[in-house]
Amino acid sequence: TRLRMGSIEVDVGIVAVIFTGLGVWISSALRKPQRKNPEDTDEPFQPNQKIITELGLTEREMEILELIAEGHSNQEIAGKLFISLSTVKTHCSNIFSKLDVKRRTQAIQKAKELGVIL
């Protein structure tokens, strides 16, 4: 029976190796290709000017959108750009309208999806 027992262990080992190899092959075949992160490139980010023009975003609105994306409050944006809080709010309202969104987070997400900001 020892010979028989050793044979079973060898069979189990072979099956284990086959299934391990099969698992590695399946996982590599099913793995999605990694999307290249735009921040990992040596090239500087270039906003999609065509979309910016189509949306009608002004230079000032783009400047404010970038500051929003950096996490600045309206008050901080007003201070940085030397404009009134009311002017910042007007620009934000225009940006939201042009991007067809209701909130800052939605504006950032949509602008990134469109390639307008990084």
N, C-alpha and C. Protein backbone atom coordinates (compact mmCIF):
# COMPACT_ATOMS: atom_id res chain seq x y z
N THR A 1 0.81 -1.20 0.00
CA THR A 1 0.00 0.00 0.00
C THR A 1 0.85 1.27 0.00
N ARG A 2 2.09 1.16 0.41
CA ARG A 2 2.94 2.34 0.39
C ARG A 2 3.13 2.86 -1.03
N LEU A 3 3.33 1.98 -1.96
CA LEU A 3 3.51 2.40 -3.34
C LEU A 3 2.25 3.09 -3.84
N ARG A 4 1.11 2.55 -3.47
CA ARG A 4 -0.17 3.14 -3.88
C ARG A 4 -0.33 4.52 -3.24
N MET A 5 0.01 4.64 -1.97
CA MET A 5 -0.11 5.91 -1.27
C MET A 5 0.80 6.96 -1.89
N GLY A 6 2.01 6.61 -2.25
CA GLY A 6 2.94 7.52 -2.89
C GLY A 6 2.43 7.95 -4.25
N SER A 7 1.79 7.07 -4.95
CA SER A 7 1.24 7.38 -6.27
C SER A 7 0.13 8.42 -6.16
N ILE A 8 -0.69 8.30 -5.13
CA ILE A 8 -1.78 9.26 -4.92
C ILE A 8 -1.19 10.64 -4.61
N GLU A 9 -0.15 10.69 -3.79
CA GLU A 9 0.47 11.96 -3.46
C GLU A 9 1.05 12.63 -4.71
N VAL A 10 1.65 11.84 -5.59
CA VAL A 10 2.20 12.38 -6.83
C VAL A 10 1.08 12.90 -7.70
N ASP A 11 -0.01 12.13 -7.79
CA ASP A 11 -1.17 12.56 -8.59
C ASP A 11 -1.74 13.87 -8.06
N VAL A 12 -1.89 13.97 -6.76
CA VAL A 12 -2.42 15.19 -6.15
C VAL A 12 -1.47 16.36 -6.42
N GLY A 13 -0.18 16.12 -6.35
CA GLY A 13 0.80 17.16 -6.63
C GLY A 13 0.72 17.65 -8.07
N ILE A 14 0.58 16.72 -9.00
CA ILE A 14 0.46 17.08 -10.42
C ILE A 14 -0.79 17.91 -10.65
N VAL A 15 -1.91 17.48 -10.07
CA VAL A 15 -3.17 18.22 -10.21
C VAL A 15 -3.02 19.63 -9.63
N ALA A 16 -2.36 19.74 -8.49
CA ALA A 16 -2.17 21.05 -7.86
C ALA A 16 -1.34 21.97 -8.76
N VAL A 17 -0.29 21.44 -9.36
CA VAL A 17 0.55 22.24 -10.26
C VAL A 17 -0.25 22.67 -11.48
N ILE A 18 -1.05 21.76 -12.03
CA ILE A 18 -1.86 22.09 -13.21
C ILE A 18 -2.85 23.20 -12.88
N PHE A 19 -3.54 23.08 -11.75
CA PHE A 19 -4.52 24.10 -11.38
C PHE A 19 -3.86 25.44 -11.05
N THR A 20 -2.69 25.41 -10.46
CA THR A 20 -1.97 26.65 -10.19
C THR A 20 -1.61 27.35 -11.51
N GLY A 21 -1.07 26.58 -12.44
CA GLY A 21 -0.72 27.14 -13.75
C GLY A 21 -1.95 27.66 -14.48
N LEU A 22 -3.04 26.92 -14.40
CA LEU A 22 -4.28 27.34 -15.04
C LEU A 22 -4.79 28.64 -14.41
N GLY A 23 -4.71 28.74 -13.09
CA GLY A 23 -5.15 29.95 -12.39
C GLY A 23 -4.34 31.17 -12.79
N VAL A 24 -3.03 31.00 -12.90
CA VAL A 24 -2.16 32.10 -13.31
C VAL A 24 -2.49 32.52 -14.74
N TRP A 25 -2.69 31.54 -15.62
CA TRP A 25 -3.00 31.85 -17.02
C TRP A 25 -4.34 32.58 -17.14
N ILE A 26 -5.36 32.10 -16.44
CA ILE A 26 -6.69 32.72 -16.50
C ILE A 26 -6.63 34.14 -15.94
N SER A 27 -5.96 34.33 -14.81
CA SER A 27 -5.91 35.67 -14.23
C SER A 27 -5.18 36.65 -15.14
N SER A 28 -4.13 36.21 -15.81
CA SER A 28 -3.42 37.12 -16.72
C SER A 28 -4.25 37.38 -17.97
N ALA A 29 -5.04 36.41 -18.41
CA ALA A 29 -5.88 36.60 -19.59
C ALA A 29 -7.06 37.53 -19.29
N LEU A 30 -7.56 37.48 -18.07
CA LEU A 30 -8.73 38.28 -17.71
C LEU A 30 -8.39 39.65 -17.16
N ARG A 31 -7.14 39.84 -16.78
CA ARG A 31 -6.75 41.11 -16.19
C ARG A 31 -6.91 42.22 -17.20
N LYS A 32 -7.55 43.28 -16.77
CA LYS A 32 -7.73 44.44 -17.65
C LYS A 32 -6.41 45.16 -17.79
N PRO A 33 -6.13 45.68 -18.98
CA PRO A 33 -4.90 46.47 -19.11
C PRO A 33 -4.98 47.70 -18.23
N GLN A 34 -3.89 48.04 -17.60
CA GLN A 34 -3.86 49.20 -16.71
C GLN A 34 -3.97 50.47 -17.54
N ARG A 35 -4.89 51.35 -17.13
CA ARG A 35 -4.99 52.65 -17.80
C ARG A 35 -3.80 53.49 -17.38
N LYS A 36 -3.24 54.15 -18.33
CA LYS A 36 -2.09 55.00 -18.03
C LYS A 36 -2.57 56.25 -17.32
N ASN A 37 -1.96 56.53 -16.19
CA ASN A 37 -2.31 57.70 -15.41
C ASN A 37 -1.67 58.92 -16.07
N PRO A 38 -2.50 59.93 -16.45
CA PRO A 38 -1.93 61.10 -17.11
C PRO A 38 -0.87 61.81 -16.28
N GLU A 39 -0.90 61.63 -14.97
CA GLU A 39 0.08 62.29 -14.11
C GLU A 39 1.44 61.60 -14.17
N ASP A 40 1.48 60.35 -14.72
CA ASP A 40 2.73 59.60 -14.78
C ASP A 40 3.57 59.92 -16.01
N THR A 41 3.07 60.72 -16.90
CA THR A 41 3.81 61.01 -18.13
C THR A 41 4.78 62.17 -17.91
N ASP A 42 5.78 62.22 -18.78
CA ASP A 42 6.74 63.33 -18.72
C ASP A 42 6.17 64.58 -19.37
N GLU A 43 5.14 64.40 -20.21
CA GLU A 43 4.55 65.53 -20.91
C GLU A 43 3.62 66.30 -19.97
N PRO A 44 3.66 67.63 -20.04
CA PRO A 44 2.74 68.41 -19.20
C PRO A 44 1.30 68.24 -19.70
N PHE A 45 0.35 68.34 -18.78
CA PHE A 45 -1.06 68.20 -19.12
C PHE A 45 -1.49 69.33 -20.04
N GLN A 46 -2.18 68.98 -21.11
CA GLN A 46 -2.72 69.97 -22.04
C GLN A 46 -4.24 69.87 -22.01
N PRO A 47 -4.93 70.89 -21.51
CA PRO A 47 -6.39 70.85 -21.49
C PRO A 47 -6.96 70.74 -22.90
N ASN A 48 -8.08 70.09 -23.02
CA ASN A 48 -8.74 69.90 -24.31
C ASN A 48 -9.38 71.23 -24.74
N GLN A 49 -8.64 71.98 -25.55
CA GLN A 49 -9.09 73.32 -25.96
C GLN A 49 -10.37 73.27 -26.78
N LYS A 50 -10.54 72.21 -27.55
CA LYS A 50 -11.75 72.08 -28.37
C LYS A 50 -12.99 72.03 -27.47
N ILE A 51 -12.93 71.23 -26.42
CA ILE A 51 -14.06 71.11 -25.48
C ILE A 51 -14.26 72.43 -24.74
N ILE A 52 -13.17 73.05 -24.32
CA ILE A 52 -13.26 74.33 -23.61
C ILE A 52 -13.98 75.36 -24.48
N THR A 53 -13.61 75.40 -25.75
CA THR A 53 -14.25 76.33 -26.69
C THR A 53 -15.72 75.97 -26.90
N GLU A 54 -16.00 74.67 -27.08
CA GLU A 54 -17.38 74.23 -27.29
C GLU A 54 -18.27 74.57 -26.09
N LEU A 55 -17.71 74.43 -24.89
CA LEU A 55 -18.47 74.74 -23.68
C LEU A 55 -18.60 76.24 -23.46
N GLY A 56 -17.70 77.00 -24.07
CA GLY A 56 -17.71 78.45 -23.90
C GLY A 56 -17.10 78.90 -22.58
N LEU A 57 -16.20 78.09 -22.02
CA LEU A 57 -15.54 78.46 -20.77
C LEU A 57 -14.50 79.54 -21.03
N THR A 58 -14.55 80.61 -20.24
CA THR A 58 -13.60 81.70 -20.38
C THR A 58 -12.31 81.36 -19.64
N GLU A 59 -11.26 82.16 -19.88
CA GLU A 59 -9.99 81.95 -19.16
C GLU A 59 -10.19 82.07 -17.66
N ARG A 60 -10.97 83.05 -17.24
CA ARG A 60 -11.22 83.26 -15.81
C ARG A 60 -12.00 82.08 -15.21
N GLU A 61 -12.99 81.60 -15.96
CA GLU A 61 -13.75 80.44 -15.47
C GLU A 61 -12.85 79.21 -15.36
N MET A 62 -11.94 79.04 -16.30
CA MET A 62 -10.99 77.93 -16.23
C MET A 62 -10.08 78.07 -15.01
N GLU A 63 -9.65 79.29 -14.76
CA GLU A 63 -8.80 79.57 -13.60
C GLU A 63 -9.54 79.21 -12.31
N ILE A 64 -10.79 79.60 -12.23
CA ILE A 64 -11.60 79.32 -11.04
C ILE A 64 -11.88 77.82 -10.93
N LEU A 65 -12.16 77.17 -12.04
CA LEU A 65 -12.41 75.72 -12.04
C LEU A 65 -11.19 74.97 -11.52
N GLU A 66 -10.00 75.38 -11.93
CA GLU A 66 -8.77 74.74 -11.46
C GLU A 66 -8.59 74.96 -9.96
N LEU A 67 -8.91 76.16 -9.48
CA LEU A 67 -8.79 76.43 -8.04
C LEU A 67 -9.82 75.63 -7.24
N ILE A 68 -11.01 75.47 -7.80
CA ILE A 68 -12.02 74.62 -7.15
C ILE A 68 -11.49 73.19 -7.05
N ALA A 69 -10.89 72.70 -8.14
CA ALA A 69 -10.35 71.34 -8.17
C ALA A 69 -9.22 71.16 -7.16
N GLU A 70 -8.51 72.24 -6.87
CA GLU A 70 -7.43 72.18 -5.87
C GLU A 70 -7.98 72.22 -4.45
N GLY A 71 -9.30 72.44 -4.31
CA GLY A 71 -9.93 72.40 -3.00
C GLY A 71 -10.12 73.74 -2.33
N HIS A 72 -9.94 74.83 -3.07
CA HIS A 72 -10.09 76.16 -2.49
C HIS A 72 -11.57 76.53 -2.33
N SER A 73 -11.86 77.25 -1.27
CA SER A 73 -13.22 77.76 -1.04
C SER A 73 -13.43 79.00 -1.90
N ASN A 74 -14.69 79.42 -2.02
CA ASN A 74 -14.98 80.64 -2.78
C ASN A 74 -14.23 81.83 -2.19
N GLN A 75 -14.19 81.91 -0.87
CA GLN A 75 -13.50 83.01 -0.19
C GLN A 75 -12.01 83.00 -0.53
N GLU A 76 -11.40 81.82 -0.51
CA GLU A 76 -9.97 81.71 -0.85
C GLU A 76 -9.72 82.08 -2.31
N ILE A 77 -10.62 81.66 -3.18
CA ILE A 77 -10.48 82.00 -4.61
C ILE A 77 -10.56 83.51 -4.79
N ALA A 78 -11.51 84.13 -4.12
CA ALA A 78 -11.66 85.59 -4.20
C ALA A 78 -10.37 86.28 -3.77
N GLY A 79 -9.78 85.82 -2.67
CA GLY A 79 -8.53 86.41 -2.19
C GLY A 79 -7.37 86.19 -3.14
N LYS A 80 -7.26 85.00 -3.70
CA LYS A 80 -6.16 84.69 -4.62
C LYS A 80 -6.24 85.50 -5.91
N LEU A 81 -7.46 85.70 -6.40
CA LEU A 81 -7.64 86.37 -7.69
C LEU A 81 -7.95 87.86 -7.55
N PHE A 82 -8.01 88.33 -6.32
CA PHE A 82 -8.30 89.75 -6.04
C PHE A 82 -9.63 90.18 -6.67
N ILE A 83 -10.65 89.34 -6.47
CA ILE A 83 -12.00 89.66 -6.94
C ILE A 83 -12.96 89.47 -5.77
N SER A 84 -14.17 89.97 -5.91
CA SER A 84 -15.13 89.86 -4.81
C SER A 84 -15.70 88.45 -4.73
N LEU A 85 -16.21 88.10 -3.57
CA LEU A 85 -16.85 86.82 -3.35
C LEU A 85 -18.04 86.66 -4.29
N SER A 86 -18.77 87.73 -4.48
CA SER A 86 -19.92 87.72 -5.38
C SER A 86 -19.50 87.38 -6.81
N THR A 87 -18.37 87.90 -7.24
CA THR A 87 -17.87 87.62 -8.59
C THR A 87 -17.49 86.14 -8.72
N VAL A 88 -16.86 85.60 -7.69
CA VAL A 88 -16.51 84.17 -7.69
C VAL A 88 -17.78 83.33 -7.81
N LYS A 89 -18.79 83.68 -7.03
CA LYS A 89 -20.05 82.93 -7.07
C LYS A 89 -20.71 83.01 -8.45
N THR A 90 -20.62 84.17 -9.08
CA THR A 90 -21.18 84.33 -10.43
C THR A 90 -20.43 83.44 -11.41
N HIS A 91 -19.09 83.43 -11.33
CA HIS A 91 -18.29 82.57 -12.20
C HIS A 91 -18.63 81.10 -11.95
N CYS A 92 -18.76 80.72 -10.68
CA CYS A 92 -19.10 79.33 -10.35
C CYS A 92 -20.44 78.95 -10.95
N SER A 93 -21.40 79.83 -10.83
CA SER A 93 -22.72 79.58 -11.40
C SER A 93 -22.63 79.39 -12.91
N ASN A 94 -21.84 80.23 -13.57
CA ASN A 94 -21.65 80.10 -15.02
C ASN A 94 -20.97 78.78 -15.39
N ILE A 95 -19.97 78.40 -14.60
CA ILE A 95 -19.26 77.14 -14.83
C ILE A 95 -20.23 75.97 -14.69
N PHE A 96 -21.01 75.97 -13.61
CA PHE A 96 -21.96 74.88 -13.37
C PHE A 96 -22.96 74.78 -14.50
N SER A 97 -23.42 75.91 -14.98
CA SER A 97 -24.39 75.94 -16.08
C SER A 97 -23.77 75.36 -17.35
N LYS A 98 -22.55 75.78 -17.66
CA LYS A 98 -21.89 75.32 -18.89
C LYS A 98 -21.55 73.83 -18.84
N LEU A 99 -21.24 73.34 -17.64
CA LEU A 99 -20.93 71.91 -17.48
C LEU A 99 -22.19 71.08 -17.19
N ASP A 100 -23.32 71.76 -17.02
CA ASP A 100 -24.60 71.12 -16.72
C ASP A 100 -24.51 70.28 -15.45
N VAL A 101 -24.03 70.93 -14.38
CA VAL A 101 -23.92 70.28 -13.07
C VAL A 101 -24.51 71.19 -12.00
N LYS A 102 -24.70 70.64 -10.80
CA LYS A 102 -25.29 71.41 -9.71
C LYS A 102 -24.30 71.71 -8.58
N ARG A 103 -23.24 70.90 -8.46
CA ARG A 103 -22.32 71.05 -7.34
C ARG A 103 -20.86 71.10 -7.80
N ARG A 104 -20.02 71.61 -6.90
CA ARG A 104 -18.58 71.72 -7.18
C ARG A 104 -17.96 70.37 -7.51
N THR A 105 -18.30 69.36 -6.72
CA THR A 105 -17.73 68.03 -6.93
C THR A 105 -18.11 67.48 -8.31
N GLN A 106 -19.35 67.74 -8.72
CA GLN A 106 -19.78 67.30 -10.05
C GLN A 106 -19.03 68.06 -11.14
N ALA A 107 -18.79 69.34 -10.91
CA ALA A 107 -18.07 70.16 -11.89
C ALA A 107 -16.64 69.63 -12.07
N ILE A 108 -15.99 69.30 -10.97
CA ILE A 108 -14.62 68.78 -11.02
C ILE A 108 -14.60 67.45 -11.78
N GLN A 109 -15.52 66.56 -11.41
CA GLN A 109 -15.58 65.24 -12.04
C GLN A 109 -15.82 65.36 -13.54
N LYS A 110 -16.79 66.16 -13.93
CA LYS A 110 -17.12 66.30 -15.35
C LYS A 110 -15.97 66.95 -16.12
N ALA A 111 -15.36 67.97 -15.53
CA ALA A 111 -14.23 68.64 -16.19
C ALA A 111 -13.07 67.68 -16.40
N LYS A 112 -12.82 66.81 -15.44
CA LYS A 112 -11.75 65.80 -15.58
C LYS A 112 -12.12 64.80 -16.67
N GLU A 113 -13.37 64.35 -16.67
CA GLU A 113 -13.82 63.39 -17.69
C GLU A 113 -13.68 63.97 -19.09
N LEU A 114 -13.92 65.27 -19.23
CA LEU A 114 -13.85 65.93 -20.53
C LEU A 114 -12.42 66.31 -20.92
N GLY A 115 -11.48 66.14 -20.00
CA GLY A 115 -10.09 66.49 -20.28
C GLY A 115 -9.82 67.98 -20.21
N VAL A 116 -10.67 68.68 -19.47
CA VAL A 116 -10.54 70.13 -19.34
C VAL A 116 -9.54 70.48 -18.23
N ILE A 117 -9.54 69.68 -17.17
CA ILE A 117 -8.59 69.86 -16.07
C ILE A 117 -7.99 68.51 -15.74
N LEU A 118 -6.89 68.53 -15.00
CA LEU A 118 -6.21 67.30 -14.61
C LEU A 118 -6.74 66.78 -13.31
